[in-house]
Amino acid sequence: MIFPDAEIKFFLTASVESRAQRRWEELQTVGKKVSLEQVISETKARDEQDTNRAHAPLRKATDALLIDSTTIRLPDVVQQMAEIAREKINKK
């Protein structure tokens, strides 16, 4: 965990297909010729590595808020996180 004592913790997730599609689009804009299927395969392999590594495996902290960005654009994710933070601040 990066900030174990943070007052607000977020865990961002999205479907493999959504993340791979976004990555594939990024690669296309810089001229990389790779198939979407290859990017999906690489994304799945990276997920497997990240969740099963011995040191600091990728897992949601028990007190983290889950945000699924499968169908949400980045600016909307940031806005959602900011609103949650504002609500927490206003409750104090």
PDB file of N, CA and C in Angstrom:
ATOM      1  N   MET A   1       0.839  -1.165   0.000  1.00  0.00           N
ATOM      2  CA  MET A   1       0.000   0.000   0.000  1.00  0.00           C
ATOM      3  C   MET A   1       0.891   1.238   0.000  1.00  0.00           C
ATOM      4  N   ILE A   2       0.509   2.200  -0.808  1.00  0.00           N
ATOM      5  CA  ILE A   2       1.353   3.377  -0.975  1.00  0.00           C
ATOM      6  C   ILE A   2       1.237   4.325   0.212  1.00  0.00           C
ATOM      7  N   PHE A   3       0.015   4.648   0.619  1.00  0.00           N
ATOM      8  CA  PHE A   3      -0.217   5.539   1.758  1.00  0.00           C
ATOM      9  C   PHE A   3      -1.124   4.828   2.758  1.00  0.00           C
ATOM     10  N   PRO A   4      -0.563   3.951   3.588  1.00  0.00           N
ATOM     11  CA  PRO A   4      -1.399   3.137   4.477  1.00  0.00           C
ATOM     12  C   PRO A   4      -2.189   3.938   5.501  1.00  0.00           C
ATOM     13  N   ASP A   5      -1.753   5.163   5.818  1.00  0.00           N
ATOM     14  CA  ASP A   5      -2.454   5.964   6.817  1.00  0.00           C
ATOM     15  C   ASP A   5      -3.324   7.057   6.200  1.00  0.00           C
ATOM     16  N   ALA A   6      -3.544   7.002   4.912  1.00  0.00           N
ATOM     17  CA  ALA A   6      -4.367   8.014   4.247  1.00  0.00           C
ATOM     18  C   ALA A   6      -5.788   7.984   4.784  1.00  0.00           C
ATOM     19  N   GLU A   7      -6.392   9.156   4.897  1.00  0.00           N
ATOM     20  CA  GLU A   7      -7.771   9.235   5.382  1.00  0.00           C
ATOM     21  C   GLU A   7      -8.755   8.662   4.374  1.00  0.00           C
ATOM     22  N   ILE A   8      -8.456   8.831   3.106  1.00  0.00           N
ATOM     23  CA  ILE A   8      -9.301   8.299   2.040  1.00  0.00           C
ATOM     24  C   ILE A   8      -8.418   7.465   1.124  1.00  0.00           C
ATOM     25  N   LYS A   9      -8.847   6.247   0.876  1.00  0.00           N
ATOM     26  CA  LYS A   9      -8.110   5.355  -0.024  1.00  0.00           C
ATOM     27  C   LYS A   9      -9.029   4.955  -1.163  1.00  0.00           C
ATOM     28  N   PHE A  10      -8.482   4.972  -2.360  1.00  0.00           N
ATOM     29  CA  PHE A  10      -9.238   4.564  -3.537  1.00  0.00           C
ATOM     30  C   PHE A  10      -8.538   3.376  -4.179  1.00  0.00           C
ATOM     31  N   PHE A  11      -9.323   2.478  -4.718  1.00  0.00           N
ATOM     32  CA  PHE A  11      -8.806   1.374  -5.511  1.00  0.00           C
ATOM     33  C   PHE A  11      -9.527   1.438  -6.844  1.00  0.00           C
ATOM     34  N   LEU A  12      -8.778   1.774  -7.892  1.00  0.00           N
ATOM     35  CA  LEU A  12      -9.366   1.901  -9.219  1.00  0.00           C
ATOM     36  C   LEU A  12      -9.262   0.583  -9.960  1.00  0.00           C
ATOM     37  N   THR A  13     -10.346   0.239 -10.624  1.00  0.00           N
ATOM     38  CA  THR A  13     -10.374  -0.974 -11.413  1.00  0.00           C
ATOM     39  C   THR A  13     -11.142  -0.704 -12.700  1.00  0.00           C
ATOM     40  N   ALA A  14     -10.990  -1.596 -13.640  1.00  0.00           N
ATOM     41  CA  ALA A  14     -11.743  -1.556 -14.900  1.00  0.00           C
ATOM     42  C   ALA A  14     -11.580  -2.930 -15.528  1.00  0.00           C
ATOM     43  N   SER A  15     -12.477  -3.254 -16.420  1.00  0.00           N
ATOM     44  CA  SER A  15     -12.379  -4.559 -17.072  1.00  0.00           C
ATOM     45  C   SER A  15     -11.091  -4.644 -17.899  1.00  0.00           C
ATOM     46  N   VAL A  16     -10.625  -5.853 -18.082  1.00  0.00           N
ATOM     47  CA  VAL A  16      -9.430  -6.078 -18.900  1.00  0.00           C
ATOM     48  C   VAL A  16      -9.635  -5.492 -20.287  1.00  0.00           C
ATOM     49  N   GLU A  17     -10.798  -5.727 -20.852  1.00  0.00           N
ATOM     50  CA  GLU A  17     -11.079  -5.261 -22.208  1.00  0.00           C
ATOM     51  C   GLU A  17     -11.046  -3.737 -22.294  1.00  0.00           C
ATOM     52  N   SER A  18     -11.612  -3.084 -21.301  1.00  0.00           N
ATOM     53  CA  SER A  18     -11.627  -1.626 -21.290  1.00  0.00           C
ATOM     54  C   SER A  18     -10.214  -1.065 -21.164  1.00  0.00           C
ATOM     55  N   ARG A  19      -9.442  -1.607 -20.246  1.00  0.00           N
ATOM     56  CA  ARG A  19      -8.070  -1.126 -20.057  1.00  0.00           C
ATOM     57  C   ARG A  19      -7.221  -1.401 -21.289  1.00  0.00           C
ATOM     58  N   ALA A  20      -7.405  -2.564 -21.882  1.00  0.00           N
ATOM     59  CA  ALA A  20      -6.646  -2.911 -23.082  1.00  0.00           C
ATOM     60  C   ALA A  20      -7.033  -2.002 -24.244  1.00  0.00           C
ATOM     61  N   GLN A  21      -8.306  -1.710 -24.375  1.00  0.00           N
ATOM     62  CA  GLN A  21      -8.767  -0.806 -25.441  1.00  0.00           C
ATOM     63  C   GLN A  21      -8.120   0.570 -25.288  1.00  0.00           C
ATOM     64  N   ARG A  22      -8.091   1.084 -24.066  1.00  0.00           N
ATOM     65  CA  ARG A  22      -7.478   2.394 -23.813  1.00  0.00           C
ATOM     66  C   ARG A  22      -5.989   2.364 -24.153  1.00  0.00           C
ATOM     67  N   ARG A  23      -5.315   1.311 -23.731  1.00  0.00           N
ATOM     68  CA  ARG A  23      -3.876   1.179 -24.012  1.00  0.00           C
ATOM     69  C   ARG A  23      -3.633   1.055 -25.509  1.00  0.00           C
ATOM     70  N   TRP A  24      -4.458   0.268 -26.190  1.00  0.00           N
ATOM     71  CA  TRP A  24      -4.316   0.086 -27.635  1.00  0.00           C
ATOM     72  C   TRP A  24      -4.472   1.431 -28.353  1.00  0.00           C
ATOM     73  N   GLU A  25      -5.458   2.222 -27.927  1.00  0.00           N
ATOM     74  CA  GLU A  25      -5.661   3.544 -28.525  1.00  0.00           C
ATOM     75  C   GLU A  25      -4.458   4.446 -28.294  1.00  0.00           C
ATOM     76  N   GLU A  26      -3.870   4.391 -27.083  1.00  0.00           N
ATOM     77  CA  GLU A  26      -2.654   5.168 -26.804  1.00  0.00           C
ATOM     78  C   GLU A  26      -1.527   4.758 -27.738  1.00  0.00           C
ATOM     79  N   LEU A  27      -1.357   3.450 -27.913  1.00  0.00           N
ATOM     80  CA  LEU A  27      -0.297   2.944 -28.780  1.00  0.00           C
ATOM     81  C   LEU A  27      -0.505   3.362 -30.231  1.00  0.00           C
ATOM     82  N   GLN A  28      -1.750   3.384 -30.671  1.00  0.00           N
ATOM     83  CA  GLN A  28      -2.058   3.796 -32.043  1.00  0.00           C
ATOM     84  C   GLN A  28      -1.682   5.256 -32.275  1.00  0.00           C
ATOM     85  N   THR A  29      -1.907   6.102 -31.265  1.00  0.00           N
ATOM     86  CA  THR A  29      -1.616   7.530 -31.441  1.00  0.00           C
ATOM     87  C   THR A  29      -0.124   7.811 -31.565  1.00  0.00           C
ATOM     88  N   VAL A  30       0.709   6.897 -31.064  1.00  0.00           N
ATOM     89  CA  VAL A  30       2.160   7.087 -31.204  1.00  0.00           C
ATOM     90  C   VAL A  30       2.743   6.200 -32.308  1.00  0.00           C
ATOM     91  N   GLY A  31       1.862   5.619 -33.120  1.00  0.00           N
ATOM     92  CA  GLY A  31       2.313   4.871 -34.287  1.00  0.00           C
ATOM     93  C   GLY A  31       2.724   3.430 -34.047  1.00  0.00           C
ATOM     94  N   LYS A  32       2.430   2.881 -32.890  1.00  0.00           N
ATOM     95  CA  LYS A  32       2.757   1.481 -32.612  1.00  0.00           C
ATOM     96  C   LYS A  32       1.727   0.578 -33.278  1.00  0.00           C
ATOM     97  N   LYS A  33       2.187  -0.349 -34.052  1.00  0.00           N
ATOM     98  CA  LYS A  33       1.291  -1.283 -34.741  1.00  0.00           C
ATOM     99  C   LYS A  33       1.228  -2.579 -33.946  1.00  0.00           C
ATOM    100  N   VAL A  34       0.170  -2.715 -33.177  1.00  0.00           N
ATOM    101  CA  VAL A  34      -0.043  -3.901 -32.349  1.00  0.00           C
ATOM    102  C   VAL A  34      -1.544  -4.190 -32.375  1.00  0.00           C
ATOM    103  N   SER A  35      -1.884  -5.451 -32.328  1.00  0.00           N
ATOM    104  CA  SER A  35      -3.303  -5.800 -32.370  1.00  0.00           C
ATOM    105  C   SER A  35      -3.940  -5.622 -30.996  1.00  0.00           C
ATOM    106  N   LEU A  36      -5.235  -5.365 -31.008  1.00  0.00           N
ATOM    107  CA  LEU A  36      -5.978  -5.259 -29.751  1.00  0.00           C
ATOM    108  C   LEU A  36      -5.895  -6.573 -28.985  1.00  0.00           C
ATOM    109  N   GLU A  37      -5.955  -7.689 -29.691  1.00  0.00           N
ATOM    110  CA  GLU A  37      -5.865  -9.004 -29.041  1.00  0.00           C
ATOM    111  C   GLU A  37      -4.543  -9.171 -28.299  1.00  0.00           C
ATOM    112  N   GLN A  38      -3.453  -8.663 -28.878  1.00  0.00           N
ATOM    113  CA  GLN A  38      -2.150  -8.747 -28.222  1.00  0.00           C
ATOM    114  C   GLN A  38      -2.140  -7.900 -26.953  1.00  0.00           C
ATOM    115  N   VAL A  39      -2.718  -6.717 -27.024  1.00  0.00           N
ATOM    116  CA  VAL A  39      -2.755  -5.836 -25.852  1.00  0.00           C
ATOM    117  C   VAL A  39      -3.621  -6.461 -24.757  1.00  0.00           C
ATOM    118  N   ILE A  40      -4.729  -7.092 -25.131  1.00  0.00           N
ATOM    119  CA  ILE A  40      -5.571  -7.785 -24.145  1.00  0.00           C
ATOM    120  C   ILE A  40      -4.766  -8.890 -23.466  1.00  0.00           C
ATOM    121  N   SER A  41      -4.052  -9.668 -24.248  1.00  0.00           N
ATOM    122  CA  SER A  41      -3.240 -10.761 -23.706  1.00  0.00           C
ATOM    123  C   SER A  41      -2.167 -10.230 -22.757  1.00  0.00           C
ATOM    124  N   GLU A  42      -1.497  -9.161 -23.146  1.00  0.00           N
ATOM    125  CA  GLU A  42      -0.455  -8.564 -22.300  1.00  0.00           C
ATOM    126  C   GLU A  42      -1.052  -7.982 -21.015  1.00  0.00           C
ATOM    127  N   THR A  43      -2.220  -7.412 -21.115  1.00  0.00           N
ATOM    128  CA  THR A  43      -2.892  -6.852 -19.933  1.00  0.00           C
ATOM    129  C   THR A  43      -3.250  -7.960 -18.948  1.00  0.00           C
ATOM    130  N   LYS A  44      -3.779  -9.054 -19.460  1.00  0.00           N
ATOM    131  CA  LYS A  44      -4.104 -10.202 -18.596  1.00  0.00           C
ATOM    132  C   LYS A  44      -2.856 -10.755 -17.923  1.00  0.00           C
ATOM    133  N   ALA A  45      -1.760 -10.849 -18.670  1.00  0.00           N
ATOM    134  CA  ALA A  45      -0.504 -11.365 -18.105  1.00  0.00           C
ATOM    135  C   ALA A  45       0.015 -10.431 -17.014  1.00  0.00           C
ATOM    136  N   ARG A  46      -0.060  -9.126 -17.258  1.00  0.00           N
ATOM    137  CA  ARG A  46       0.404  -8.165 -16.253  1.00  0.00           C
ATOM    138  C   ARG A  46      -0.473  -8.235 -15.001  1.00  0.00           C
ATOM    139  N   ASP A  47      -1.785  -8.383 -15.183  1.00  0.00           N
ATOM    140  CA  ASP A  47      -2.684  -8.531 -14.035  1.00  0.00           C
ATOM    141  C   ASP A  47      -2.309  -9.753 -13.203  1.00  0.00           C
ATOM    142  N   GLU A  48      -2.029 -10.843 -13.881  1.00  0.00           N
ATOM    143  CA  GLU A  48      -1.641 -12.085 -13.195  1.00  0.00           C
ATOM    144  C   GLU A  48      -0.373 -11.859 -12.380  1.00  0.00           C
ATOM    145  N   GLN A  49       0.606 -11.211 -12.978  1.00  0.00           N
ATOM    146  CA  GLN A  49       1.863 -10.926 -12.274  1.00  0.00           C
ATOM    147  C   GLN A  49       1.623 -10.012 -11.075  1.00  0.00           C
ATOM    148  N   ASP A  50       0.878  -8.941 -11.302  1.00  0.00           N
ATOM    149  CA  ASP A  50       0.673  -7.949 -10.245  1.00  0.00           C
ATOM    150  C   ASP A  50      -0.081  -8.512  -9.049  1.00  0.00           C
ATOM    151  N   THR A  51      -1.053  -9.362  -9.280  1.00  0.00           N
ATOM    152  CA  THR A  51      -1.853  -9.881  -8.169  1.00  0.00           C
ATOM    153  C   THR A  51      -1.210 -11.078  -7.475  1.00  0.00           C
ATOM    154  N   ASN A  52      -0.236 -11.707  -8.112  1.00  0.00           N
ATOM    155  CA  ASN A  52       0.373 -12.906  -7.533  1.00  0.00           C
ATOM    156  C   ASN A  52       1.837 -12.758  -7.158  1.00  0.00           C
ATOM    157  N   ARG A  53       2.394 -11.561  -7.256  1.00  0.00           N
ATOM    158  CA  ARG A  53       3.803 -11.382  -6.886  1.00  0.00           C
ATOM    159  C   ARG A  53       3.965 -11.559  -5.375  1.00  0.00           C
ATOM    160  N   ALA A  54       5.130 -11.996  -4.967  1.00  0.00           N
ATOM    161  CA  ALA A  54       5.391 -12.277  -3.554  1.00  0.00           C
ATOM    162  C   ALA A  54       5.426 -11.004  -2.712  1.00  0.00           C
ATOM    163  N   HIS A  55       6.020  -9.951  -3.247  1.00  0.00           N
ATOM    164  CA  HIS A  55       6.152  -8.702  -2.494  1.00  0.00           C
ATOM    165  C   HIS A  55       5.115  -7.702  -2.972  1.00  0.00           C
ATOM    166  N   ALA A  56       4.289  -7.222  -2.068  1.00  0.00           N
ATOM    167  CA  ALA A  56       3.276  -6.191  -2.326  1.00  0.00           C
ATOM    168  C   ALA A  56       2.362  -6.522  -3.503  1.00  0.00           C
ATOM    169  N   PRO A  57       1.670  -7.650  -3.415  1.00  0.00           N
ATOM    170  CA  PRO A  57       0.733  -7.971  -4.500  1.00  0.00           C
ATOM    171  C   PRO A  57      -0.373  -6.923  -4.582  1.00  0.00           C
ATOM    172  N   LEU A  58      -0.856  -6.694  -5.790  1.00  0.00           N
ATOM    173  CA  LEU A  58      -1.893  -5.696  -6.019  1.00  0.00           C
ATOM    174  C   LEU A  58      -3.223  -6.207  -5.474  1.00  0.00           C
ATOM    175  N   ARG A  59      -3.693  -5.542  -4.416  1.00  0.00           N
ATOM    176  CA  ARG A  59      -4.960  -5.895  -3.795  1.00  0.00           C
ATOM    177  C   ARG A  59      -5.611  -4.639  -3.246  1.00  0.00           C
ATOM    178  N   LYS A  60      -6.924  -4.650  -3.179  1.00  0.00           N
ATOM    179  CA  LYS A  60      -7.675  -3.542  -2.599  1.00  0.00           C
ATOM    180  C   LYS A  60      -7.528  -3.585  -1.086  1.00  0.00           C
ATOM    181  N   ALA A  61      -7.165  -2.466  -0.498  1.00  0.00           N
ATOM    182  CA  ALA A  61      -7.126  -2.375   0.961  1.00  0.00           C
ATOM    183  C   ALA A  61      -8.546  -2.517   1.494  1.00  0.00           C
ATOM    184  N   THR A  62      -8.688  -3.086   2.658  1.00  0.00           N
ATOM    185  CA  THR A  62     -10.027  -3.329   3.205  1.00  0.00           C
ATOM    186  C   THR A  62     -10.828  -2.040   3.383  1.00  0.00           C
ATOM    187  N   ASP A  63     -10.135  -0.924   3.646  1.00  0.00           N
ATOM    188  CA  ASP A  63     -10.837   0.339   3.852  1.00  0.00           C
ATOM    189  C   ASP A  63     -10.805   1.261   2.629  1.00  0.00           C
ATOM    190  N   ALA A  64     -10.409   0.733   1.494  1.00  0.00           N
ATOM    191  CA  ALA A  64     -10.373   1.543   0.266  1.00  0.00           C
ATOM    192  C   ALA A  64     -11.739   1.556  -0.404  1.00  0.00           C
ATOM    193  N   LEU A  65     -12.028   2.654  -1.054  1.00  0.00           N
ATOM    194  CA  LEU A  65     -13.261   2.791  -1.818  1.00  0.00           C
ATOM    195  C   LEU A  65     -12.992   2.323  -3.247  1.00  0.00           C
ATOM    196  N   LEU A  66     -13.814   1.442  -3.727  1.00  0.00           N
ATOM    197  CA  LEU A  66     -13.643   0.882  -5.070  1.00  0.00           C
ATOM    198  C   LEU A  66     -14.307   1.786  -6.102  1.00  0.00           C
ATOM    199  N   ILE A  67     -13.545   2.125  -7.134  1.00  0.00           N
ATOM    200  CA  ILE A  67     -14.098   2.872  -8.261  1.00  0.00           C
ATOM    201  C   ILE A  67     -13.834   2.059  -9.517  1.00  0.00           C
ATOM    202  N   ASP A  68     -14.903   1.644 -10.166  1.00  0.00           N
ATOM    203  CA  ASP A  68     -14.794   0.877 -11.404  1.00  0.00           C
ATOM    204  C   ASP A  68     -14.901   1.851 -12.572  1.00  0.00           C
ATOM    205  N   SER A  69     -13.812   2.006 -13.298  1.00  0.00           N
ATOM    206  CA  SER A  69     -13.771   2.978 -14.393  1.00  0.00           C
ATOM    207  C   SER A  69     -13.970   2.330 -15.759  1.00  0.00           C
ATOM    208  N   THR A  70     -14.563   1.152 -15.783  1.00  0.00           N
ATOM    209  CA  THR A  70     -14.782   0.458 -17.054  1.00  0.00           C
ATOM    210  C   THR A  70     -15.500   1.348 -18.053  1.00  0.00           C
ATOM    211  N   THR A  71     -16.524   2.046 -17.603  1.00  0.00           N
ATOM    212  CA  THR A  71     -17.320   2.874 -18.516  1.00  0.00           C
ATOM    213  C   THR A  71     -17.244   4.358 -18.172  1.00  0.00           C
ATOM    214  N   ILE A  72     -16.239   4.739 -17.391  1.00  0.00           N
ATOM    215  CA  ILE A  72     -16.102   6.125 -16.951  1.00  0.00           C
ATOM    216  C   ILE A  72     -14.801   6.709 -17.498  1.00  0.00           C
ATOM    217  N   ARG A  73     -14.890   7.908 -18.041  1.00  0.00           N
ATOM    218  CA  ARG A  73     -13.694   8.587 -18.551  1.00  0.00           C
ATOM    219  C   ARG A  73     -12.869   9.133 -17.388  1.00  0.00           C
ATOM    220  N   LEU A  74     -11.568   9.312 -17.618  1.00  0.00           N
ATOM    221  CA  LEU A  74     -10.653   9.774 -16.579  1.00  0.00           C
ATOM    222  C   LEU A  74     -11.120  11.057 -15.892  1.00  0.00           C
ATOM    223  N   PRO A  75     -11.531  12.095 -16.621  1.00  0.00           N
ATOM    224  CA  PRO A  75     -11.980  13.307 -15.908  1.00  0.00           C
ATOM    225  C   PRO A  75     -13.155  13.034 -14.967  1.00  0.00           C
ATOM    226  N   ASP A  76     -14.014  12.108 -15.330  1.00  0.00           N
ATOM    227  CA  ASP A  76     -15.146  11.770 -14.480  1.00  0.00           C
ATOM    228  C   ASP A  76     -14.713  10.983 -13.250  1.00  0.00           C
ATOM    229  N   VAL A  77     -13.697  10.156 -13.396  1.00  0.00           N
ATOM    230  CA  VAL A  77     -13.146   9.426 -12.249  1.00  0.00           C
ATOM    231  C   VAL A  77     -12.543  10.419 -11.260  1.00  0.00           C
ATOM    232  N   VAL A  78     -11.765  11.359 -11.771  1.00  0.00           N
ATOM    233  CA  VAL A  78     -11.145  12.376 -10.906  1.00  0.00           C
ATOM    234  C   VAL A  78     -12.219  13.196 -10.209  1.00  0.00           C
ATOM    235  N   GLN A  79     -13.267  13.558 -10.939  1.00  0.00           N
ATOM    236  CA  GLN A  79     -14.364  14.322 -10.344  1.00  0.00           C
ATOM    237  C   GLN A  79     -15.036  13.514  -9.231  1.00  0.00           C
ATOM    238  N   GLN A  80     -15.263  12.239  -9.465  1.00  0.00           N
ATOM    239  CA  GLN A  80     -15.885  11.384  -8.457  1.00  0.00           C
ATOM    240  C   GLN A  80     -15.012  11.311  -7.206  1.00  0.00           C
ATOM    241  N   MET A  81     -13.710  11.170  -7.389  1.00  0.00           N
ATOM    242  CA  MET A  81     -12.798  11.110  -6.247  1.00  0.00           C
ATOM    243  C   MET A  81     -12.794  12.436  -5.487  1.00  0.00           C
ATOM    244  N   ALA A  82     -12.792  13.540  -6.222  1.00  0.00           N
ATOM    245  CA  ALA A  82     -12.796  14.866  -5.580  1.00  0.00           C
ATOM    246  C   ALA A  82     -14.079  15.080  -4.784  1.00  0.00           C
ATOM    247  N   GLU A  83     -15.207  14.645  -5.318  1.00  0.00           N
ATOM    248  CA  GLU A  83     -16.480  14.789  -4.601  1.00  0.00           C
ATOM    249  C   GLU A  83     -16.474  13.988  -3.311  1.00  0.00           C
ATOM    250  N   ILE A  84     -15.931  12.785  -3.363  1.00  0.00           N
ATOM    251  CA  ILE A  84     -15.841  11.955  -2.153  1.00  0.00           C
ATOM    252  C   ILE A  84     -14.961  12.639  -1.120  1.00  0.00           C
ATOM    253  N   ALA A  85     -13.843  13.207  -1.566  1.00  0.00           N
ATOM    254  CA  ALA A  85     -12.931  13.907  -0.640  1.00  0.00           C
ATOM    255  C   ALA A  85     -13.612  15.136  -0.040  1.00  0.00           C
ATOM    256  N   ARG A  86     -14.338  15.905  -0.872  1.00  0.00           N
ATOM    257  CA  ARG A  86     -15.047  17.071  -0.367  1.00  0.00           C
ATOM    258  C   ARG A  86     -16.077  16.693   0.679  1.00  0.00           C
ATOM    259  N   GLU A  87     -16.825  15.619   0.425  1.00  0.00           N
ATOM    260  CA  GLU A  87     -17.828  15.162   1.382  1.00  0.00           C
ATOM    261  C   GLU A  87     -17.180  14.803   2.712  1.00  0.00           C
ATOM    262  N   LYS A  88     -16.040  14.131   2.646  1.00  0.00           N
ATOM    263  CA  LYS A  88     -15.346  13.729   3.876  1.00  0.00           C
ATOM    264  C   LYS A  88     -14.854  14.956   4.633  1.00  0.00           C
ATOM    265  N   ILE A  89     -14.328  15.930   3.911  1.00  0.00           N
ATOM    266  CA  ILE A  89     -13.839  17.161   4.546  1.00  0.00           C
ATOM    267  C   ILE A  89     -15.002  17.916   5.181  1.00  0.00           C
ATOM    268  N   ASN A  90     -16.127  17.996   4.494  1.00  0.00           N
ATOM    269  CA  ASN A  90     -17.277  18.745   5.004  1.00  0.00           C
ATOM    270  C   ASN A  90     -17.904  18.086   6.230  1.00  0.00           C
ATOM    271  N   LYS A  91     -17.696  16.792   6.411  1.00  0.00           N
ATOM    272  CA  LYS A  91     -18.235  16.100   7.581  1.00  0.00           C
ATOM    273  C   LYS A  91     -17.431  16.375   8.832  1.00  0.00           C
ATOM    274  N   LYS A  92     -16.228  16.884   8.659  1.00  0.00           N
ATOM    275  CA  LYS A  92     -15.357  17.150   9.816  1.00  0.00           C
ATOM    276  C   LYS A  92     -15.734  18.416  10.516  1.00  0.00           C
TER     277      LYS A  92
END
